Amino acid sequence: MNVSLAMHARTGQSTRSWGLNPEQGPRQRHSEGTMKSKQSGITLIGFIVVLAVAGFFAYMAMKLVPAYSEYAGVVKAMNQMATEGVDGKTLDQVRRELIRKLDFQYVDDATISPSDITMGQGASGNELRVSYDKEVPFMYNIDFLIHFQKSVPVQGNVAPAQ
């Protein structure tokens, strides 16, 4: 029997015109539900939104990380001062020495002024304190204002101002 001339037993239609196999019956098209799994993923618009949010936070990090790395330099310079001690030095000498150490740590001169450096009594004795604000421009008229404050115990007493 020739398949192209055979008639389907149930419908009486030619198998050639409908692409039928006499043993299996009619075939389904791909769009008629033969797809086993549903497609999943992110659309192009969704990807653009996710990319914009990630870009915003990356830009924000690029602006803020230098301020925090500069603060790490301040902490390192203060720890050096704490190990050396301040016995017999005046407050002005301590300020000058700390500013010199800050320069070695690549801390900008405009970041910390001498008035931001103070000495005081803490729980464990004398403390060297640094408190300053850093203004970081972000975009348009939006700026970040970051307040940094650090105190370290120091050895020795500060001499009175002359």
N, C-alpha and C. Protein backbone atom coordinates (compact mmCIF):
# COMPACT_ATOMS: atom_id res chain seq x y z
N MET A 1 0.84 -1.16 0.00
CA MET A 1 0.00 0.00 0.00
C MET A 1 0.90 1.24 0.00
N ASN A 2 0.59 2.21 -0.77
CA ASN A 2 1.33 3.45 -0.89
C ASN A 2 0.77 4.44 0.13
N VAL A 3 1.63 5.00 0.99
CA VAL A 3 1.20 5.88 2.07
C VAL A 3 0.58 7.15 1.50
N SER A 4 1.11 7.65 0.42
CA SER A 4 0.60 8.90 -0.12
C SER A 4 -0.82 8.74 -0.66
N LEU A 5 -1.21 7.53 -1.02
CA LEU A 5 -2.55 7.32 -1.55
C LEU A 5 -3.48 6.70 -0.53
N ALA A 6 -2.95 6.33 0.62
CA ALA A 6 -3.79 5.66 1.62
C ALA A 6 -4.75 6.65 2.25
N MET A 7 -5.87 6.13 2.67
CA MET A 7 -6.88 6.93 3.33
C MET A 7 -6.86 6.59 4.81
N HIS A 8 -7.04 7.56 5.63
CA HIS A 8 -7.09 7.32 7.06
C HIS A 8 -8.39 6.63 7.38
N ALA A 9 -8.31 5.63 8.18
CA ALA A 9 -9.47 4.79 8.44
C ALA A 9 -10.58 5.55 9.16
N ARG A 10 -10.28 6.40 10.11
CA ARG A 10 -11.31 7.09 10.90
C ARG A 10 -11.91 8.29 10.19
N THR A 11 -11.05 9.12 9.58
CA THR A 11 -11.55 10.37 9.01
C THR A 11 -11.86 10.27 7.53
N GLY A 12 -11.28 9.34 6.85
CA GLY A 12 -11.49 9.22 5.42
C GLY A 12 -10.70 10.24 4.62
N GLN A 13 -9.75 10.93 5.22
CA GLN A 13 -8.95 11.91 4.52
C GLN A 13 -7.61 11.29 4.11
N SER A 14 -7.03 11.86 3.11
CA SER A 14 -5.75 11.37 2.62
C SER A 14 -4.66 11.71 3.63
N THR A 15 -3.77 10.76 3.89
CA THR A 15 -2.69 10.98 4.84
C THR A 15 -1.65 11.93 4.29
N ARG A 16 -1.55 12.04 3.00
CA ARG A 16 -0.54 12.90 2.41
C ARG A 16 -0.87 14.36 2.64
N SER A 17 -2.08 14.74 2.56
CA SER A 17 -2.44 16.14 2.68
C SER A 17 -2.32 16.65 4.10
N TRP A 18 -2.44 15.79 5.11
CA TRP A 18 -2.38 16.23 6.50
C TRP A 18 -1.10 15.78 7.19
N GLY A 19 -0.22 15.10 6.52
CA GLY A 19 1.03 14.65 7.13
C GLY A 19 0.78 13.60 8.18
N LEU A 20 -0.11 12.66 7.93
CA LEU A 20 -0.48 11.67 8.91
C LEU A 20 0.28 10.38 8.69
N ASN A 21 0.51 9.68 9.75
CA ASN A 21 1.04 8.34 9.69
C ASN A 21 -0.15 7.44 10.01
N PRO A 22 -0.47 6.48 9.19
CA PRO A 22 -1.68 5.68 9.42
C PRO A 22 -1.69 4.96 10.77
N GLU A 23 -0.52 4.64 11.35
CA GLU A 23 -0.49 3.91 12.60
C GLU A 23 -0.63 4.85 13.82
N GLN A 24 -0.21 6.13 13.72
CA GLN A 24 -0.16 7.02 14.87
C GLN A 24 -1.31 8.01 14.92
N GLY A 25 -1.97 8.29 13.89
CA GLY A 25 -3.01 9.31 13.87
C GLY A 25 -2.42 10.67 13.55
N PRO A 26 -3.18 11.73 13.71
CA PRO A 26 -2.69 13.07 13.32
C PRO A 26 -1.59 13.57 14.26
N ARG A 27 -0.61 14.29 13.69
CA ARG A 27 0.47 14.90 14.46
C ARG A 27 0.03 16.28 14.95
N GLN A 28 0.58 16.66 16.11
CA GLN A 28 0.30 18.00 16.61
C GLN A 28 1.39 18.94 16.14
N ARG A 29 1.00 20.19 15.96
CA ARG A 29 1.98 21.21 15.63
C ARG A 29 2.77 21.57 16.88
N HIS A 30 3.96 22.19 16.68
CA HIS A 30 4.82 22.58 17.80
C HIS A 30 4.10 23.60 18.69
N SER A 31 3.32 24.47 18.13
CA SER A 31 2.65 25.51 18.90
C SER A 31 1.38 25.00 19.58
N GLU A 32 1.05 23.77 19.43
CA GLU A 32 -0.18 23.24 20.00
C GLU A 32 0.05 22.52 21.32
N GLY A 33 1.14 22.81 22.04
CA GLY A 33 1.31 22.27 23.38
C GLY A 33 2.29 21.12 23.49
N THR A 34 3.13 20.89 22.51
CA THR A 34 4.11 19.83 22.64
C THR A 34 5.34 20.29 23.40
N MET A 35 5.44 21.59 23.68
CA MET A 35 6.58 22.11 24.41
C MET A 35 6.49 21.61 25.86
N LYS A 36 7.53 20.96 26.32
CA LYS A 36 7.51 20.31 27.62
C LYS A 36 7.69 21.31 28.77
N SER A 37 8.60 22.29 28.63
CA SER A 37 8.87 23.22 29.73
C SER A 37 8.50 24.64 29.32
N LYS A 38 8.11 25.42 30.32
CA LYS A 38 7.77 26.81 30.08
C LYS A 38 9.06 27.63 30.07
N GLN A 39 9.16 28.59 29.19
CA GLN A 39 10.35 29.42 29.14
C GLN A 39 10.38 30.30 30.37
N SER A 40 11.57 30.49 30.90
CA SER A 40 11.72 31.38 32.05
C SER A 40 12.97 32.22 31.84
N GLY A 41 13.01 33.35 32.50
CA GLY A 41 14.16 34.24 32.37
C GLY A 41 13.72 35.67 32.55
N ILE A 42 14.62 36.57 32.24
CA ILE A 42 14.35 37.99 32.43
C ILE A 42 14.18 38.63 31.06
N THR A 43 13.24 39.54 30.97
CA THR A 43 13.02 40.23 29.71
C THR A 43 14.07 41.31 29.53
N LEU A 44 14.11 41.89 28.37
CA LEU A 44 15.08 42.94 28.09
C LEU A 44 14.81 44.16 28.96
N ILE A 45 13.56 44.54 29.12
CA ILE A 45 13.22 45.68 29.96
C ILE A 45 13.60 45.38 31.41
N GLY A 46 13.32 44.19 31.88
CA GLY A 46 13.70 43.81 33.24
C GLY A 46 15.20 43.85 33.43
N PHE A 47 15.93 43.39 32.42
CA PHE A 47 17.39 43.41 32.49
C PHE A 47 17.91 44.85 32.55
N ILE A 48 17.31 45.74 31.79
CA ILE A 48 17.73 47.15 31.79
C ILE A 48 17.46 47.78 33.16
N VAL A 49 16.33 47.47 33.77
CA VAL A 49 16.02 48.00 35.11
C VAL A 49 17.03 47.49 36.13
N VAL A 50 17.32 46.20 36.10
CA VAL A 50 18.30 45.62 37.03
C VAL A 50 19.68 46.25 36.79
N LEU A 51 20.04 46.45 35.55
CA LEU A 51 21.32 47.06 35.22
C LEU A 51 21.38 48.51 35.70
N ALA A 52 20.28 49.25 35.60
CA ALA A 52 20.24 50.64 36.06
C ALA A 52 20.40 50.71 37.58
N VAL A 53 19.72 49.83 38.31
CA VAL A 53 19.84 49.82 39.77
C VAL A 53 21.27 49.44 40.18
N ALA A 54 21.82 48.43 39.56
CA ALA A 54 23.19 48.02 39.87
C ALA A 54 24.18 49.14 39.52
N GLY A 55 23.96 49.83 38.41
CA GLY A 55 24.82 50.95 38.03
C GLY A 55 24.75 52.10 39.01
N PHE A 56 23.55 52.38 39.53
CA PHE A 56 23.38 53.45 40.52
C PHE A 56 24.19 53.14 41.78
N PHE A 57 24.07 51.91 42.28
CA PHE A 57 24.82 51.55 43.49
C PHE A 57 26.32 51.47 43.23
N ALA A 58 26.72 51.08 42.04
CA ALA A 58 28.15 51.06 41.71
C ALA A 58 28.71 52.48 41.66
N TYR A 59 27.93 53.41 41.10
CA TYR A 59 28.36 54.81 41.04
C TYR A 59 28.46 55.39 42.45
N MET A 60 27.50 55.05 43.30
CA MET A 60 27.52 55.52 44.68
C MET A 60 28.75 54.97 45.40
N ALA A 61 29.08 53.72 45.20
CA ALA A 61 30.26 53.12 45.83
C ALA A 61 31.54 53.78 45.33
N MET A 62 31.58 54.10 44.03
CA MET A 62 32.77 54.76 43.48
C MET A 62 32.99 56.13 44.11
N LYS A 63 31.93 56.78 44.51
CA LYS A 63 32.06 58.09 45.15
C LYS A 63 32.41 57.98 46.63
N LEU A 64 31.93 56.95 47.32
CA LEU A 64 32.10 56.85 48.77
C LEU A 64 33.36 56.10 49.20
N VAL A 65 33.84 55.17 48.42
CA VAL A 65 35.00 54.36 48.81
C VAL A 65 36.24 55.21 49.07
N PRO A 66 36.55 56.24 48.26
CA PRO A 66 37.74 57.04 48.58
C PRO A 66 37.67 57.73 49.95
N ALA A 67 36.49 58.17 50.37
CA ALA A 67 36.36 58.80 51.68
C ALA A 67 36.66 57.81 52.80
N TYR A 68 36.21 56.58 52.64
CA TYR A 68 36.46 55.57 53.67
C TYR A 68 37.91 55.08 53.64
N SER A 69 38.53 55.04 52.48
CA SER A 69 39.95 54.67 52.45
C SER A 69 40.81 55.78 53.05
N GLU A 70 40.38 57.02 52.89
CA GLU A 70 41.07 58.14 53.53
C GLU A 70 40.93 58.04 55.05
N TYR A 71 39.74 57.65 55.52
CA TYR A 71 39.52 57.45 56.95
C TYR A 71 40.43 56.34 57.49
N ALA A 72 40.63 55.30 56.70
CA ALA A 72 41.54 54.23 57.12
C ALA A 72 42.96 54.78 57.31
N GLY A 73 43.37 55.73 56.48
CA GLY A 73 44.66 56.38 56.64
C GLY A 73 44.72 57.20 57.92
N VAL A 74 43.60 57.85 58.27
CA VAL A 74 43.54 58.63 59.51
C VAL A 74 43.70 57.70 60.71
N VAL A 75 43.02 56.57 60.68
CA VAL A 75 43.11 55.61 61.78
C VAL A 75 44.53 55.08 61.92
N LYS A 76 45.17 54.80 60.80
CA LYS A 76 46.54 54.28 60.84
C LYS A 76 47.50 55.32 61.43
N ALA A 77 47.35 56.58 61.03
CA ALA A 77 48.22 57.63 61.55
C ALA A 77 47.97 57.85 63.04
N MET A 78 46.72 57.76 63.46
CA MET A 78 46.41 57.92 64.89
C MET A 78 46.99 56.77 65.71
N ASN A 79 46.94 55.57 65.18
CA ASN A 79 47.52 54.43 65.88
C ASN A 79 49.04 54.57 66.00
N GLN A 80 49.68 55.14 64.99
CA GLN A 80 51.12 55.40 65.07
C GLN A 80 51.43 56.40 66.17
N MET A 81 50.59 57.42 66.27
CA MET A 81 50.77 58.42 67.33
C MET A 81 50.57 57.79 68.70
N ALA A 82 49.61 56.88 68.79
CA ALA A 82 49.32 56.24 70.08
C ALA A 82 50.49 55.38 70.54
N THR A 83 51.16 54.70 69.63
CA THR A 83 52.28 53.84 70.02
C THR A 83 53.52 54.68 70.37
N GLU A 84 53.70 55.82 69.72
CA GLU A 84 54.85 56.68 70.01
C GLU A 84 54.68 57.44 71.32
N GLY A 85 53.45 57.78 71.63
CA GLY A 85 53.20 58.54 72.87
C GLY A 85 53.30 60.03 72.64
N VAL A 86 52.77 60.79 73.59
CA VAL A 86 52.75 62.26 73.46
C VAL A 86 53.36 62.93 74.68
N ASP A 87 54.12 62.20 75.46
CA ASP A 87 54.64 62.72 76.73
C ASP A 87 55.52 63.94 76.49
N GLY A 88 55.15 65.04 77.12
CA GLY A 88 55.95 66.27 77.06
C GLY A 88 55.70 67.12 75.83
N LYS A 89 54.88 66.71 74.92
CA LYS A 89 54.59 67.51 73.72
C LYS A 89 53.38 68.40 73.97
N THR A 90 53.37 69.56 73.36
CA THR A 90 52.20 70.43 73.45
C THR A 90 51.15 69.95 72.46
N LEU A 91 49.94 70.46 72.61
CA LEU A 91 48.86 70.08 71.70
C LEU A 91 49.19 70.50 70.26
N ASP A 92 49.82 71.66 70.10
CA ASP A 92 50.21 72.10 68.75
C ASP A 92 51.25 71.17 68.14
N GLN A 93 52.18 70.69 68.94
CA GLN A 93 53.18 69.75 68.43
C GLN A 93 52.53 68.42 68.04
N VAL A 94 51.58 67.97 68.86
CA VAL A 94 50.86 66.72 68.55
C VAL A 94 50.08 66.89 67.24
N ARG A 95 49.43 68.03 67.08
CA ARG A 95 48.66 68.30 65.85
C ARG A 95 49.57 68.31 64.62
N ARG A 96 50.71 69.02 64.74
CA ARG A 96 51.63 69.07 63.59
C ARG A 96 52.17 67.70 63.23
N GLU A 97 52.52 66.93 64.26
CA GLU A 97 53.06 65.59 64.00
C GLU A 97 51.99 64.68 63.38
N LEU A 98 50.76 64.77 63.88
CA LEU A 98 49.68 63.96 63.30
C LEU A 98 49.37 64.38 61.86
N ILE A 99 49.37 65.67 61.59
CA ILE A 99 49.12 66.13 60.22
C ILE A 99 50.23 65.67 59.29
N ARG A 100 51.47 65.65 59.78
CA ARG A 100 52.58 65.14 58.96
C ARG A 100 52.37 63.65 58.66
N LYS A 101 51.94 62.88 59.67
CA LYS A 101 51.67 61.45 59.46
C LYS A 101 50.48 61.25 58.52
N LEU A 102 49.49 62.13 58.62
CA LEU A 102 48.34 62.05 57.71
C LEU A 102 48.77 62.29 56.26
N ASP A 103 49.77 63.16 56.09
CA ASP A 103 50.28 63.43 54.74
C ASP A 103 50.93 62.18 54.16
N PHE A 104 51.61 61.40 54.99
CA PHE A 104 52.21 60.15 54.52
C PHE A 104 51.15 59.11 54.17
N GLN A 105 49.97 59.22 54.76
CA GLN A 105 48.86 58.29 54.49
C GLN A 105 47.96 58.78 53.35
N TYR A 106 48.38 59.82 52.64
CA TYR A 106 47.64 60.39 51.50
C TYR A 106 46.28 60.92 51.91
N VAL A 107 46.20 61.49 53.10
CA VAL A 107 44.98 62.17 53.53
C VAL A 107 45.07 63.61 53.04
N ASP A 108 44.04 64.06 52.38
CA ASP A 108 44.02 65.41 51.80
C ASP A 108 44.15 66.46 52.89
N ASP A 109 44.90 67.52 52.60
CA ASP A 109 45.11 68.58 53.58
C ASP A 109 43.81 69.29 53.94
N ALA A 110 42.89 69.36 53.00
CA ALA A 110 41.61 70.05 53.24
C ALA A 110 40.65 69.20 54.07
N THR A 111 40.95 67.94 54.25
CA THR A 111 40.03 67.05 54.97
C THR A 111 40.03 67.32 56.46
N ILE A 112 41.20 67.38 57.08
CA ILE A 112 41.31 67.55 58.52
C ILE A 112 42.07 68.83 58.82
N SER A 113 41.45 69.70 59.57
CA SER A 113 42.11 70.93 60.00
C SER A 113 42.68 70.69 61.40
N PRO A 114 43.62 71.50 61.85
CA PRO A 114 44.18 71.31 63.20
C PRO A 114 43.12 71.41 64.30
N SER A 115 42.06 72.16 64.08
CA SER A 115 41.03 72.28 65.11
C SER A 115 40.21 70.99 65.25
N ASP A 116 40.29 70.08 64.27
CA ASP A 116 39.59 68.79 64.35
C ASP A 116 40.32 67.80 65.26
N ILE A 117 41.56 68.10 65.62
CA ILE A 117 42.38 67.22 66.45
C ILE A 117 42.37 67.75 67.88
N THR A 118 41.91 66.94 68.81
CA THR A 118 41.86 67.35 70.22
C THR A 118 42.41 66.26 71.11
N MET A 119 42.70 66.64 72.34
CA MET A 119 43.12 65.70 73.38
C MET A 119 42.10 65.79 74.50
N GLY A 120 41.84 64.67 75.16
CA GLY A 120 40.90 64.67 76.27
C GLY A 120 41.08 63.46 77.14
N GLN A 121 40.33 63.43 78.22
CA GLN A 121 40.36 62.30 79.14
C GLN A 121 39.33 61.27 78.72
N GLY A 122 39.76 60.03 78.64
CA GLY A 122 38.86 58.94 78.32
C GLY A 122 38.79 57.96 79.47
N ALA A 123 38.19 56.84 79.23
CA ALA A 123 38.04 55.82 80.26
C ALA A 123 39.39 55.24 80.68
N SER A 124 40.34 55.16 79.74
CA SER A 124 41.64 54.56 80.06
C SER A 124 42.76 55.59 80.13
N GLY A 125 42.43 56.85 80.30
CA GLY A 125 43.47 57.88 80.39
C GLY A 125 43.31 58.90 79.28
N ASN A 126 44.46 59.45 78.87
CA ASN A 126 44.44 60.46 77.80
C ASN A 126 44.05 59.83 76.46
N GLU A 127 43.30 60.59 75.69
CA GLU A 127 42.89 60.12 74.35
C GLU A 127 43.18 61.19 73.32
N LEU A 128 43.61 60.74 72.16
CA LEU A 128 43.76 61.59 71.00
C LEU A 128 42.48 61.43 70.19
N ARG A 129 41.82 62.53 69.89
CA ARG A 129 40.52 62.47 69.19
C ARG A 129 40.58 63.26 67.90
N VAL A 130 40.00 62.67 66.88
CA VAL A 130 39.85 63.34 65.59
C VAL A 130 38.39 63.21 65.19
N SER A 131 37.78 64.35 64.89
CA SER A 131 36.39 64.37 64.47
C SER A 131 36.27 65.35 63.30
N TYR A 132 35.81 64.85 62.16
CA TYR A 132 35.69 65.71 60.98
C TYR A 132 34.54 65.26 60.10
N ASP A 133 34.11 66.16 59.24
CA ASP A 133 33.05 65.88 58.26
C ASP A 133 33.65 65.90 56.87
N LYS A 134 33.18 65.01 56.06
CA LYS A 134 33.64 64.94 54.66
C LYS A 134 32.42 65.09 53.76
N GLU A 135 32.45 66.05 52.88
CA GLU A 135 31.35 66.26 51.94
C GLU A 135 31.78 65.70 50.58
N VAL A 136 30.98 64.76 50.08
CA VAL A 136 31.29 64.09 48.82
C VAL A 136 30.21 64.45 47.81
N PRO A 137 30.55 65.15 46.73
CA PRO A 137 29.52 65.46 45.72
C PRO A 137 29.08 64.18 45.01
N PHE A 138 27.77 64.06 44.83
CA PHE A 138 27.23 62.85 44.21
C PHE A 138 26.74 63.13 42.80
N MET A 139 25.62 63.79 42.68
CA MET A 139 25.11 64.17 41.36
C MET A 139 24.23 65.40 41.50
N TYR A 140 24.29 66.25 40.51
CA TYR A 140 23.51 67.49 40.49
C TYR A 140 23.69 68.23 41.80
N ASN A 141 22.62 68.43 42.56
CA ASN A 141 22.74 69.15 43.83
C ASN A 141 22.65 68.20 45.02
N ILE A 142 22.98 66.95 44.83
CA ILE A 142 22.95 65.94 45.88
C ILE A 142 24.38 65.65 46.32
N ASP A 143 24.64 65.80 47.62
CA ASP A 143 25.95 65.52 48.20
C ASP A 143 25.77 64.54 49.35
N PHE A 144 26.83 63.80 49.63
CA PHE A 144 26.87 62.96 50.82
C PHE A 144 27.67 63.71 51.88
N LEU A 145 27.17 63.75 53.10
CA LEU A 145 27.90 64.32 54.21
C LEU A 145 28.20 63.18 55.18
N ILE A 146 29.47 62.85 55.32
CA ILE A 146 29.89 61.73 56.15
C ILE A 146 30.64 62.28 57.36
N HIS A 147 30.24 61.86 58.54
CA HIS A 147 30.90 62.30 59.78
C HIS A 147 31.80 61.17 60.27
N PHE A 148 33.07 61.48 60.44
CA PHE A 148 34.04 60.51 60.96
C PHE A 148 34.49 60.97 62.33
N GLN A 149 34.60 60.01 63.24
CA GLN A 149 35.06 60.31 64.59
C GLN A 149 35.86 59.11 65.10
N LYS A 150 37.05 59.39 65.62
CA LYS A 150 37.91 58.32 66.11
C LYS A 150 38.68 58.84 67.32
N SER A 151 38.83 57.99 68.30
CA SER A 151 39.67 58.34 69.45
C SER A 151 40.53 57.13 69.80
N VAL A 152 41.78 57.40 70.16
CA VAL A 152 42.71 56.34 70.54
C VAL A 152 43.38 56.74 71.85
N PRO A 153 43.59 55.78 72.74
CA PRO A 153 44.32 56.10 73.98
C PRO A 153 45.80 56.33 73.66
N VAL A 154 46.37 57.32 74.32
CA VAL A 154 47.79 57.63 74.09
C VAL A 154 48.54 57.53 75.42
N GLN A 155 49.84 57.31 75.29
CA GLN A 155 50.69 57.21 76.48
C GLN A 155 51.29 58.59 76.78
N GLY A 156 51.28 58.93 78.02
CA GLY A 156 51.90 60.19 78.43
C GLY A 156 50.89 61.32 78.56
N ASN A 157 51.41 62.44 79.05
CA ASN A 157 50.59 63.62 79.24
C ASN A 157 51.02 64.72 78.30
N VAL A 158 50.06 65.52 77.89
CA VAL A 158 50.35 66.64 77.01
C VAL A 158 50.82 67.81 77.88
N ALA A 159 51.89 68.44 77.43
CA ALA A 159 52.42 69.60 78.15
C ALA A 159 51.49 70.78 77.92
N PRO A 160 51.40 71.69 78.89
CA PRO A 160 50.56 72.87 78.70
C PRO A 160 51.13 73.77 77.60
N ALA A 161 50.23 74.52 76.98
CA ALA A 161 50.64 75.42 75.89
C ALA A 161 51.51 76.53 76.47
N GLN A 162 52.52 76.95 75.71
CA GLN A 162 53.46 77.98 76.21
C GLN A 162 53.08 79.34 75.73
